[in-house]
Amino acid sequence: MSKTDRSVLLDRDGVITAVNPDGIKKPEEVLVLPFSAQAFYELAQCRVKPYVIVHEPLVGEGKMTEADLKAVHARLVEIVRQEFEEVDLGEFVTASLPDGPATPSAKIKAGLLRKLARERGVNLAETYYIGDEESDMEAADEVGCRFCLVRSGRGFRTVKRVAVTGKTPDLICRDLLSAVIKIFKGG
C-alpha cells in the first residue's frame, strides 16, 4: 500500500462489535453492532483501507489463545460478509499484552499505531482513528491521529467523561456508519 492511499483505524469492541464485559473469547460471542457491515461497504466504495486495532489482554493473561483470537476475527469477517460478500475488513492489527499500570491500554494501542505507520506506510497525521474509549482517544493523540468518538459501545459514557475533563475529540458520531459517512462522504 502506498502512503497516498486513504486509511482508517477502527477499534473493534464497541465500534464494530458489541462490548462483552468479560471480553470476546469465542467466535460464538461475536455480536456485530447494527450498521457496522454497511460501514465496511461504504469504506470500500470510498476506496478506504480499514485497519482493525485490537488490544486483547486476555491472550496475554492466558484466558484465551492466539488461535482463539484469530477465530473471533474470522467469525467477525464471516458475519459482515453475510451482508456484503465482497467487503474487505482490512487487516487486524493486534497486541496481546496484559493491561496494567506499566502498560496502559493507550500506550499499547499507540504502539500498534506506530507499528502500522512504519510497516504499512499509513500517514497517521492524515488518518482517523474511530473508537469508543478514552484510551483510544489518548492513543490517537499520542501519535497525531485525528480521532472520532462514537457513542456506541462505551462511547456514550466516554462522551460524558471527556466533556468533564475538557478533552475534545475531532468528531463525535452516533456509530461507525455515521462516522464513515461524515469523514469520507462529507455527510
N, C-alpha and C. Protein backbone atom coordinates (compact mmCIF):
# COMPACT_ATOMS: atom_id res chain seq x y z
N MET A 1 0.84 -1.18 0.00
CA MET A 1 0.00 0.00 0.00
C MET A 1 0.88 1.24 0.00
N SER A 2 0.56 2.21 -0.82
CA SER A 2 1.37 3.42 -0.87
C SER A 2 0.92 4.40 0.21
N LYS A 3 1.78 5.37 0.48
CA LYS A 3 1.48 6.35 1.52
C LYS A 3 0.34 7.28 1.11
N THR A 4 -0.04 7.29 -0.16
CA THR A 4 -1.10 8.19 -0.60
C THR A 4 -2.49 7.55 -0.49
N ASP A 5 -2.58 6.27 -0.29
CA ASP A 5 -3.88 5.62 -0.12
C ASP A 5 -4.50 6.07 1.19
N ARG A 6 -5.83 6.20 1.20
CA ARG A 6 -6.52 6.58 2.43
C ARG A 6 -6.75 5.36 3.30
N SER A 7 -6.65 5.59 4.60
CA SER A 7 -6.83 4.52 5.58
C SER A 7 -7.72 5.04 6.70
N VAL A 8 -8.26 4.09 7.46
CA VAL A 8 -8.98 4.42 8.68
C VAL A 8 -8.63 3.35 9.71
N LEU A 9 -8.49 3.76 10.95
CA LEU A 9 -8.16 2.86 12.04
C LEU A 9 -9.41 2.68 12.89
N LEU A 10 -9.79 1.44 13.13
CA LEU A 10 -11.04 1.15 13.82
C LEU A 10 -10.79 0.31 15.05
N ASP A 11 -11.26 0.77 16.18
CA ASP A 11 -11.27 -0.07 17.37
C ASP A 11 -12.31 -1.16 17.13
N ARG A 12 -12.11 -2.35 17.64
CA ARG A 12 -13.07 -3.44 17.41
C ARG A 12 -14.24 -3.39 18.38
N ASP A 13 -13.95 -3.60 19.67
CA ASP A 13 -15.01 -3.71 20.67
C ASP A 13 -15.66 -2.36 20.93
N GLY A 14 -16.97 -2.30 20.76
CA GLY A 14 -17.71 -1.07 20.99
C GLY A 14 -17.87 -0.21 19.75
N VAL A 15 -17.11 -0.51 18.70
CA VAL A 15 -17.21 0.23 17.45
C VAL A 15 -17.77 -0.68 16.36
N ILE A 16 -17.19 -1.87 16.22
CA ILE A 16 -17.66 -2.84 15.23
C ILE A 16 -18.53 -3.91 15.91
N THR A 17 -18.05 -4.36 17.05
CA THR A 17 -18.77 -5.40 17.79
C THR A 17 -19.30 -4.85 19.11
N ALA A 18 -20.31 -5.53 19.63
CA ALA A 18 -20.84 -5.17 20.95
C ALA A 18 -19.78 -5.47 22.00
N VAL A 19 -19.79 -4.68 23.05
CA VAL A 19 -18.86 -4.87 24.16
C VAL A 19 -19.35 -6.04 25.01
N ASN A 20 -18.46 -6.96 25.28
CA ASN A 20 -18.74 -8.05 26.21
C ASN A 20 -17.90 -7.74 27.45
N PRO A 21 -18.52 -7.54 28.61
CA PRO A 21 -17.74 -7.15 29.80
C PRO A 21 -16.63 -8.14 30.16
N ASP A 22 -16.79 -9.40 29.78
CA ASP A 22 -15.76 -10.41 30.04
C ASP A 22 -14.81 -10.58 28.87
N GLY A 23 -14.99 -9.82 27.81
CA GLY A 23 -14.17 -9.96 26.61
C GLY A 23 -14.78 -10.97 25.65
N ILE A 24 -14.48 -10.82 24.38
CA ILE A 24 -14.95 -11.76 23.36
C ILE A 24 -13.89 -12.84 23.23
N LYS A 25 -14.18 -14.01 23.81
CA LYS A 25 -13.19 -15.09 23.86
C LYS A 25 -13.42 -16.18 22.82
N LYS A 26 -14.66 -16.26 22.31
CA LYS A 26 -15.02 -17.35 21.38
C LYS A 26 -15.81 -16.77 20.21
N PRO A 27 -15.71 -17.43 19.05
CA PRO A 27 -16.43 -16.93 17.87
C PRO A 27 -17.93 -16.76 18.10
N GLU A 28 -18.53 -17.63 18.87
CA GLU A 28 -19.98 -17.53 19.09
C GLU A 28 -20.37 -16.32 19.96
N GLU A 29 -19.39 -15.65 20.55
CA GLU A 29 -19.65 -14.46 21.35
C GLU A 29 -19.61 -13.16 20.53
N VAL A 30 -19.25 -13.27 19.26
CA VAL A 30 -19.16 -12.09 18.40
C VAL A 30 -20.56 -11.61 18.04
N LEU A 31 -20.84 -10.38 18.37
CA LEU A 31 -22.11 -9.74 18.02
C LEU A 31 -21.76 -8.43 17.33
N VAL A 32 -22.02 -8.38 16.03
CA VAL A 32 -21.70 -7.19 15.24
C VAL A 32 -22.78 -6.14 15.48
N LEU A 33 -22.33 -4.93 15.76
CA LEU A 33 -23.27 -3.83 16.00
C LEU A 33 -24.04 -3.48 14.72
N PRO A 34 -25.28 -2.99 14.88
CA PRO A 34 -26.07 -2.60 13.70
C PRO A 34 -25.31 -1.59 12.84
N PHE A 35 -25.40 -1.76 11.56
CA PHE A 35 -24.83 -0.88 10.55
C PHE A 35 -23.31 -0.98 10.40
N SER A 36 -22.65 -1.84 11.17
CA SER A 36 -21.20 -1.99 11.01
C SER A 36 -20.85 -2.59 9.65
N ALA A 37 -21.60 -3.59 9.23
CA ALA A 37 -21.34 -4.19 7.91
C ALA A 37 -21.51 -3.14 6.82
N GLN A 38 -22.55 -2.33 6.91
CA GLN A 38 -22.78 -1.26 5.95
C GLN A 38 -21.61 -0.27 5.95
N ALA A 39 -21.05 -0.02 7.11
CA ALA A 39 -19.90 0.90 7.20
C ALA A 39 -18.72 0.37 6.40
N PHE A 40 -18.45 -0.95 6.48
CA PHE A 40 -17.36 -1.53 5.70
C PHE A 40 -17.64 -1.43 4.20
N TYR A 41 -18.90 -1.60 3.82
CA TYR A 41 -19.29 -1.44 2.43
C TYR A 41 -19.00 0.00 1.96
N GLU A 42 -19.39 0.98 2.78
CA GLU A 42 -19.16 2.38 2.42
C GLU A 42 -17.67 2.69 2.33
N LEU A 43 -16.87 2.12 3.23
CA LEU A 43 -15.41 2.31 3.16
C LEU A 43 -14.88 1.77 1.83
N ALA A 44 -15.36 0.61 1.42
CA ALA A 44 -14.93 0.03 0.15
C ALA A 44 -15.31 0.93 -1.02
N GLN A 45 -16.51 1.49 -0.97
CA GLN A 45 -16.97 2.39 -2.03
C GLN A 45 -16.10 3.64 -2.12
N CYS A 46 -15.60 4.08 -0.98
CA CYS A 46 -14.74 5.28 -0.93
C CYS A 46 -13.26 4.94 -1.12
N ARG A 47 -12.96 3.66 -1.34
CA ARG A 47 -11.58 3.19 -1.52
C ARG A 47 -10.69 3.53 -0.31
N VAL A 48 -11.22 3.24 0.87
CA VAL A 48 -10.51 3.49 2.12
C VAL A 48 -10.13 2.13 2.72
N LYS A 49 -8.88 1.99 3.08
CA LYS A 49 -8.37 0.75 3.66
C LYS A 49 -8.61 0.76 5.17
N PRO A 50 -9.41 -0.20 5.69
CA PRO A 50 -9.60 -0.25 7.14
C PRO A 50 -8.53 -1.11 7.82
N TYR A 51 -8.14 -0.67 9.00
CA TYR A 51 -7.28 -1.46 9.88
C TYR A 51 -8.02 -1.57 11.21
N VAL A 52 -8.26 -2.79 11.64
CA VAL A 52 -8.97 -3.02 12.90
C VAL A 52 -7.92 -3.16 14.00
N ILE A 53 -7.96 -2.24 14.94
CA ILE A 53 -6.97 -2.18 16.02
C ILE A 53 -7.52 -2.92 17.23
N VAL A 54 -6.81 -3.95 17.66
CA VAL A 54 -7.31 -4.78 18.76
C VAL A 54 -6.22 -4.96 19.83
N HIS A 55 -6.48 -4.41 21.00
CA HIS A 55 -5.64 -4.72 22.17
C HIS A 55 -6.42 -5.78 22.93
N GLU A 56 -5.92 -7.01 22.92
CA GLU A 56 -6.61 -8.13 23.55
C GLU A 56 -5.79 -8.67 24.71
N PRO A 57 -5.94 -8.08 25.89
CA PRO A 57 -5.14 -8.52 27.04
C PRO A 57 -5.47 -9.94 27.50
N LEU A 58 -6.63 -10.48 27.10
CA LEU A 58 -6.99 -11.83 27.52
C LEU A 58 -5.99 -12.87 27.03
N VAL A 59 -5.37 -12.60 25.87
CA VAL A 59 -4.34 -13.53 25.37
C VAL A 59 -3.13 -13.48 26.28
N GLY A 60 -2.68 -12.28 26.60
CA GLY A 60 -1.52 -12.11 27.49
C GLY A 60 -1.75 -12.63 28.89
N GLU A 61 -3.02 -12.61 29.31
CA GLU A 61 -3.37 -13.12 30.64
C GLU A 61 -3.62 -14.63 30.64
N GLY A 62 -3.54 -15.28 29.47
CA GLY A 62 -3.75 -16.72 29.38
C GLY A 62 -5.21 -17.15 29.42
N LYS A 63 -6.13 -16.21 29.22
CA LYS A 63 -7.56 -16.54 29.25
C LYS A 63 -8.10 -16.92 27.88
N MET A 64 -7.29 -16.70 26.85
CA MET A 64 -7.59 -17.17 25.50
C MET A 64 -6.28 -17.28 24.75
N THR A 65 -6.30 -18.00 23.64
CA THR A 65 -5.08 -18.21 22.86
C THR A 65 -5.10 -17.32 21.61
N GLU A 66 -3.95 -17.23 20.95
CA GLU A 66 -3.87 -16.52 19.67
C GLU A 66 -4.82 -17.17 18.66
N ALA A 67 -4.93 -18.50 18.71
CA ALA A 67 -5.84 -19.21 17.81
C ALA A 67 -7.29 -18.80 18.08
N ASP A 68 -7.64 -18.64 19.36
CA ASP A 68 -8.99 -18.17 19.72
C ASP A 68 -9.23 -16.78 19.13
N LEU A 69 -8.23 -15.91 19.25
CA LEU A 69 -8.36 -14.55 18.74
C LEU A 69 -8.56 -14.55 17.22
N LYS A 70 -7.79 -15.38 16.53
CA LYS A 70 -7.95 -15.49 15.06
C LYS A 70 -9.34 -16.02 14.71
N ALA A 71 -9.84 -16.95 15.50
CA ALA A 71 -11.18 -17.50 15.26
C ALA A 71 -12.26 -16.44 15.48
N VAL A 72 -12.07 -15.60 16.48
CA VAL A 72 -13.00 -14.48 16.74
C VAL A 72 -13.01 -13.54 15.53
N HIS A 73 -11.84 -13.21 15.02
CA HIS A 73 -11.75 -12.31 13.87
C HIS A 73 -12.34 -12.95 12.62
N ALA A 74 -12.10 -14.24 12.45
CA ALA A 74 -12.68 -14.95 11.30
C ALA A 74 -14.21 -14.91 11.37
N ARG A 75 -14.76 -15.07 12.57
CA ARG A 75 -16.22 -15.01 12.73
C ARG A 75 -16.73 -13.61 12.42
N LEU A 76 -16.02 -12.59 12.83
CA LEU A 76 -16.41 -11.21 12.53
C LEU A 76 -16.47 -11.01 11.01
N VAL A 77 -15.45 -11.46 10.32
CA VAL A 77 -15.42 -11.35 8.85
C VAL A 77 -16.61 -12.11 8.25
N GLU A 78 -16.85 -13.30 8.74
CA GLU A 78 -17.96 -14.13 8.23
C GLU A 78 -19.31 -13.42 8.40
N ILE A 79 -19.54 -12.84 9.56
CA ILE A 79 -20.81 -12.16 9.82
C ILE A 79 -20.99 -10.96 8.88
N VAL A 80 -19.95 -10.15 8.73
CA VAL A 80 -20.04 -8.98 7.85
C VAL A 80 -20.26 -9.42 6.41
N ARG A 81 -19.60 -10.47 5.98
CA ARG A 81 -19.73 -10.94 4.60
C ARG A 81 -21.06 -11.63 4.33
N GLN A 82 -21.81 -11.95 5.35
CA GLN A 82 -23.16 -12.45 5.13
C GLN A 82 -24.04 -11.35 4.54
N GLU A 83 -23.74 -10.11 4.87
CA GLU A 83 -24.48 -8.97 4.32
C GLU A 83 -23.85 -8.45 3.04
N PHE A 84 -22.53 -8.36 3.00
CA PHE A 84 -21.82 -7.81 1.86
C PHE A 84 -20.65 -8.75 1.53
N GLU A 85 -20.87 -9.65 0.57
CA GLU A 85 -19.90 -10.71 0.27
C GLU A 85 -18.50 -10.21 -0.06
N GLU A 86 -18.40 -9.16 -0.81
CA GLU A 86 -17.11 -8.71 -1.33
C GLU A 86 -16.39 -7.71 -0.43
N VAL A 87 -16.95 -7.39 0.72
CA VAL A 87 -16.37 -6.37 1.58
C VAL A 87 -15.07 -6.84 2.20
N ASP A 88 -14.09 -5.95 2.18
CA ASP A 88 -12.79 -6.21 2.78
C ASP A 88 -12.75 -5.57 4.16
N LEU A 89 -12.55 -6.37 5.19
CA LEU A 89 -12.44 -5.82 6.53
C LEU A 89 -11.03 -5.34 6.83
N GLY A 90 -10.18 -5.38 5.83
CA GLY A 90 -8.82 -4.88 6.01
C GLY A 90 -7.98 -5.82 6.84
N GLU A 91 -7.07 -5.26 7.59
CA GLU A 91 -6.16 -6.05 8.42
C GLU A 91 -6.51 -5.89 9.88
N PHE A 92 -6.32 -6.97 10.62
CA PHE A 92 -6.44 -6.92 12.07
C PHE A 92 -5.04 -6.70 12.63
N VAL A 93 -4.87 -5.64 13.39
CA VAL A 93 -3.59 -5.29 13.99
C VAL A 93 -3.76 -5.50 15.49
N THR A 94 -3.04 -6.49 16.04
CA THR A 94 -3.32 -6.89 17.42
C THR A 94 -2.10 -6.83 18.34
N ALA A 95 -2.39 -6.62 19.60
CA ALA A 95 -1.41 -6.73 20.68
C ALA A 95 -2.09 -7.51 21.79
N SER A 96 -1.34 -8.34 22.47
CA SER A 96 -1.95 -9.19 23.50
C SER A 96 -1.30 -9.00 24.86
N LEU A 97 -0.71 -7.85 25.09
CA LEU A 97 -0.11 -7.58 26.40
C LEU A 97 -1.20 -7.37 27.44
N PRO A 98 -0.99 -7.84 28.66
CA PRO A 98 -1.97 -7.54 29.72
C PRO A 98 -1.99 -6.03 29.98
N ASP A 99 -3.17 -5.52 30.26
CA ASP A 99 -3.32 -4.11 30.59
C ASP A 99 -2.96 -3.91 32.06
N GLY A 100 -2.23 -2.87 32.36
CA GLY A 100 -1.86 -2.62 33.74
C GLY A 100 -1.13 -1.30 33.87
N PRO A 101 -0.70 -0.96 35.07
CA PRO A 101 -0.03 0.34 35.29
C PRO A 101 1.23 0.51 34.44
N ALA A 102 1.96 -0.57 34.24
CA ALA A 102 3.20 -0.47 33.46
C ALA A 102 2.92 -0.39 31.96
N THR A 103 1.80 -0.95 31.54
CA THR A 103 1.44 -0.95 30.13
C THR A 103 -0.04 -0.60 29.97
N PRO A 104 -0.40 0.67 30.16
CA PRO A 104 -1.81 1.05 29.99
C PRO A 104 -2.26 0.86 28.54
N SER A 105 -3.53 0.61 28.37
CA SER A 105 -4.09 0.33 27.05
C SER A 105 -3.74 1.40 26.02
N ALA A 106 -3.80 2.67 26.40
CA ALA A 106 -3.49 3.74 25.45
C ALA A 106 -2.07 3.62 24.91
N LYS A 107 -1.12 3.27 25.76
CA LYS A 107 0.28 3.12 25.31
C LYS A 107 0.41 1.93 24.37
N ILE A 108 -0.27 0.84 24.68
CA ILE A 108 -0.22 -0.36 23.83
C ILE A 108 -0.81 -0.04 22.46
N LYS A 109 -1.97 0.64 22.46
CA LYS A 109 -2.61 0.99 21.19
C LYS A 109 -1.75 1.97 20.40
N ALA A 110 -1.13 2.94 21.07
CA ALA A 110 -0.25 3.88 20.37
C ALA A 110 0.91 3.13 19.72
N GLY A 111 1.43 2.13 20.40
CA GLY A 111 2.49 1.30 19.83
C GLY A 111 2.03 0.57 18.59
N LEU A 112 0.81 0.07 18.61
CA LEU A 112 0.24 -0.60 17.43
C LEU A 112 0.13 0.39 16.26
N LEU A 113 -0.29 1.61 16.56
CA LEU A 113 -0.46 2.61 15.50
C LEU A 113 0.88 2.99 14.89
N ARG A 114 1.90 3.14 15.73
CA ARG A 114 3.24 3.46 15.22
C ARG A 114 3.78 2.33 14.35
N LYS A 115 3.55 1.11 14.80
CA LYS A 115 3.99 -0.06 14.03
C LYS A 115 3.30 -0.09 12.66
N LEU A 116 2.03 0.21 12.65
CA LEU A 116 1.26 0.25 11.41
C LEU A 116 1.81 1.32 10.47
N ALA A 117 2.14 2.47 11.02
CA ALA A 117 2.71 3.54 10.20
C ALA A 117 4.04 3.10 9.58
N ARG A 118 4.87 2.48 10.39
CA ARG A 118 6.19 2.01 9.91
C ARG A 118 6.05 0.92 8.86
N GLU A 119 5.24 -0.09 9.16
CA GLU A 119 5.19 -1.29 8.32
C GLU A 119 4.28 -1.17 7.11
N ARG A 120 3.26 -0.32 7.19
CA ARG A 120 2.29 -0.22 6.09
C ARG A 120 2.25 1.16 5.44
N GLY A 121 3.06 2.07 5.94
CA GLY A 121 3.12 3.39 5.34
C GLY A 121 1.89 4.26 5.59
N VAL A 122 1.15 3.96 6.64
CA VAL A 122 -0.03 4.76 6.96
C VAL A 122 0.42 6.12 7.51
N ASN A 123 -0.09 7.17 6.91
CA ASN A 123 0.22 8.53 7.36
C ASN A 123 -0.73 8.87 8.50
N LEU A 124 -0.25 8.74 9.72
CA LEU A 124 -1.11 8.91 10.89
C LEU A 124 -1.70 10.31 10.99
N ALA A 125 -0.97 11.33 10.57
CA ALA A 125 -1.46 12.70 10.67
C ALA A 125 -2.68 12.94 9.77
N GLU A 126 -2.84 12.11 8.74
CA GLU A 126 -3.97 12.27 7.82
C GLU A 126 -5.02 11.18 8.00
N THR A 127 -4.94 10.45 9.10
CA THR A 127 -5.80 9.28 9.30
C THR A 127 -6.67 9.46 10.53
N TYR A 128 -7.90 9.01 10.42
CA TYR A 128 -8.80 8.99 11.57
C TYR A 128 -8.71 7.66 12.29
N TYR A 129 -8.76 7.72 13.59
CA TYR A 129 -8.92 6.55 14.45
C TYR A 129 -10.32 6.69 15.03
N ILE A 130 -11.16 5.68 14.82
CA ILE A 130 -12.53 5.69 15.31
C ILE A 130 -12.61 4.74 16.50
N GLY A 131 -12.97 5.28 17.65
CA GLY A 131 -13.02 4.47 18.87
C GLY A 131 -14.12 4.92 19.80
N ASP A 132 -14.26 4.18 20.91
CA ASP A 132 -15.33 4.47 21.86
C ASP A 132 -14.83 4.71 23.28
N GLU A 133 -13.51 4.71 23.48
CA GLU A 133 -12.98 4.85 24.84
C GLU A 133 -11.93 5.95 24.91
N GLU A 134 -11.71 6.42 26.12
CA GLU A 134 -10.67 7.43 26.33
C GLU A 134 -9.29 6.90 25.92
N SER A 135 -9.04 5.62 26.15
CA SER A 135 -7.73 5.07 25.78
C SER A 135 -7.52 5.13 24.26
N ASP A 136 -8.59 5.02 23.48
CA ASP A 136 -8.48 5.17 22.03
C ASP A 136 -8.11 6.60 21.68
N MET A 137 -8.77 7.56 22.33
CA MET A 137 -8.51 8.97 22.08
C MET A 137 -7.08 9.34 22.50
N GLU A 138 -6.64 8.81 23.64
CA GLU A 138 -5.29 9.09 24.12
C GLU A 138 -4.25 8.52 23.15
N ALA A 139 -4.49 7.32 22.63
CA ALA A 139 -3.56 6.72 21.67
C ALA A 139 -3.49 7.55 20.40
N ALA A 140 -4.65 7.97 19.89
CA ALA A 140 -4.69 8.80 18.68
C ALA A 140 -3.93 10.10 18.92
N ASP A 141 -4.15 10.71 20.06
CA ASP A 141 -3.48 11.97 20.40
C ASP A 141 -1.97 11.78 20.48
N GLU A 142 -1.55 10.69 21.08
CA GLU A 142 -0.11 10.43 21.25
C GLU A 142 0.62 10.30 19.92
N VAL A 143 -0.05 9.73 18.91
CA VAL A 143 0.62 9.52 17.62
C VAL A 143 0.23 10.55 16.56
N GLY A 144 -0.65 11.49 16.93
CA GLY A 144 -1.00 12.55 15.99
C GLY A 144 -2.12 12.22 15.02
N CYS A 145 -2.94 11.23 15.34
CA CYS A 145 -4.10 10.91 14.50
C CYS A 145 -5.26 11.84 14.83
N ARG A 146 -6.15 11.98 13.88
CA ARG A 146 -7.43 12.60 14.18
C ARG A 146 -8.28 11.53 14.85
N PHE A 147 -9.19 11.95 15.72
CA PHE A 147 -9.97 10.97 16.47
C PHE A 147 -11.47 11.25 16.38
N CYS A 148 -12.21 10.19 16.09
CA CYS A 148 -13.67 10.26 16.08
C CYS A 148 -14.18 9.34 17.19
N LEU A 149 -14.90 9.92 18.12
CA LEU A 149 -15.51 9.18 19.22
C LEU A 149 -16.92 8.79 18.81
N VAL A 150 -17.20 7.49 18.86
CA VAL A 150 -18.56 7.03 18.57
C VAL A 150 -19.28 6.73 19.88
N ARG A 151 -20.58 6.97 19.87
CA ARG A 151 -21.38 6.78 21.08
C ARG A 151 -21.76 5.33 21.30
N SER A 152 -21.49 4.46 20.35
CA SER A 152 -21.79 3.04 20.53
C SER A 152 -20.81 2.45 21.55
N GLY A 153 -21.07 1.22 21.96
CA GLY A 153 -20.18 0.58 22.94
C GLY A 153 -20.11 1.38 24.22
N ARG A 154 -18.89 1.74 24.61
CA ARG A 154 -18.68 2.54 25.83
C ARG A 154 -18.68 4.03 25.54
N GLY A 155 -18.95 4.38 24.30
CA GLY A 155 -18.84 5.77 23.86
C GLY A 155 -19.76 6.75 24.53
N PHE A 156 -20.99 6.34 24.84
CA PHE A 156 -21.91 7.27 25.49
C PHE A 156 -21.34 7.73 26.83
N ARG A 157 -20.80 6.77 27.58
CA ARG A 157 -20.16 7.09 28.88
C ARG A 157 -18.90 7.94 28.66
N THR A 158 -18.15 7.62 27.61
CA THR A 158 -16.92 8.35 27.33
C THR A 158 -17.21 9.80 26.95
N VAL A 159 -18.28 10.03 26.18
CA VAL A 159 -18.65 11.39 25.80
C VAL A 159 -18.86 12.23 27.05
N LYS A 160 -19.54 11.67 28.03
CA LYS A 160 -19.79 12.41 29.28
C LYS A 160 -18.49 12.70 30.03
N ARG A 161 -17.59 11.69 30.07
CA ARG A 161 -16.32 11.87 30.79
C ARG A 161 -15.42 12.91 30.12
N VAL A 162 -15.33 12.87 28.80
CA VAL A 162 -14.43 13.81 28.14
C VAL A 162 -14.96 15.23 28.21
N ALA A 163 -16.28 15.38 28.31
CA ALA A 163 -16.85 16.71 28.48
C ALA A 163 -16.40 17.32 29.81
N VAL A 164 -16.29 16.50 30.83
CA VAL A 164 -15.86 16.96 32.15
C VAL A 164 -14.37 17.27 32.17
N THR A 165 -13.57 16.45 31.49
CA THR A 165 -12.12 16.62 31.51
C THR A 165 -11.63 17.71 30.56
N GLY A 166 -12.48 18.09 29.60
CA GLY A 166 -12.07 19.10 28.63
C GLY A 166 -11.35 18.53 27.42
N LYS A 167 -11.16 17.21 27.39
CA LYS A 167 -10.57 16.59 26.20
C LYS A 167 -11.61 16.64 25.08
N THR A 168 -11.15 16.95 23.89
CA THR A 168 -12.09 17.09 22.79
C THR A 168 -11.68 16.23 21.61
N PRO A 169 -12.54 15.27 21.23
CA PRO A 169 -12.26 14.52 20.00
C PRO A 169 -12.51 15.42 18.79
N ASP A 170 -11.96 15.06 17.66
CA ASP A 170 -12.18 15.84 16.44
C ASP A 170 -13.63 15.75 15.98
N LEU A 171 -14.23 14.59 16.19
CA LEU A 171 -15.63 14.37 15.83
C LEU A 171 -16.28 13.49 16.88
N ILE A 172 -17.59 13.63 17.02
CA ILE A 172 -18.39 12.69 17.81
C ILE A 172 -19.54 12.26 16.91
N CYS A 173 -19.70 10.95 16.75
CA CYS A 173 -20.74 10.41 15.88
C CYS A 173 -21.52 9.32 16.62
N ARG A 174 -22.69 9.01 16.11
CA ARG A 174 -23.56 8.02 16.72
C ARG A 174 -22.94 6.62 16.72
N ASP A 175 -22.40 6.21 15.55
CA ASP A 175 -21.88 4.86 15.39
C ASP A 175 -20.87 4.84 14.24
N LEU A 176 -20.39 3.65 13.93
CA LEU A 176 -19.37 3.52 12.89
C LEU A 176 -19.87 4.02 11.54
N LEU A 177 -21.07 3.63 11.16
CA LEU A 177 -21.59 4.06 9.86
C LEU A 177 -21.70 5.58 9.77
N SER A 178 -22.23 6.22 10.79
CA SER A 178 -22.35 7.69 10.73
C SER A 178 -20.97 8.33 10.70
N ALA A 179 -19.99 7.74 11.36
CA ALA A 179 -18.63 8.28 11.32
C ALA A 179 -18.04 8.16 9.92
N VAL A 180 -18.21 7.00 9.29
CA VAL A 180 -17.69 6.79 7.93
C VAL A 180 -18.32 7.78 6.96
N ILE A 181 -19.62 7.96 7.07
CA ILE A 181 -20.31 8.91 6.17
C ILE A 181 -19.81 10.32 6.41
N LYS A 182 -19.66 10.71 7.66
CA LYS A 182 -19.22 12.07 7.99
C LYS A 182 -17.77 12.32 7.51
N ILE A 183 -16.90 11.36 7.77
CA ILE A 183 -15.48 11.54 7.46
C ILE A 183 -15.19 11.42 5.96
N PHE A 184 -15.76 10.40 5.32
CA PHE A 184 -15.36 10.09 3.94
C PHE A 184 -16.37 10.48 2.87
N LYS A 185 -17.58 10.82 3.28
CA LYS A 185 -18.59 11.20 2.28
C LYS A 185 -19.10 12.61 2.51
N GLY A 186 -18.52 13.31 3.48
CA GLY A 186 -18.91 14.68 3.73
C GLY A 186 -20.32 14.84 4.26
N GLY A 187 -20.85 13.76 4.87
CA GLY A 187 -22.24 13.78 5.37
C GLY A 187 -22.32 14.19 6.72
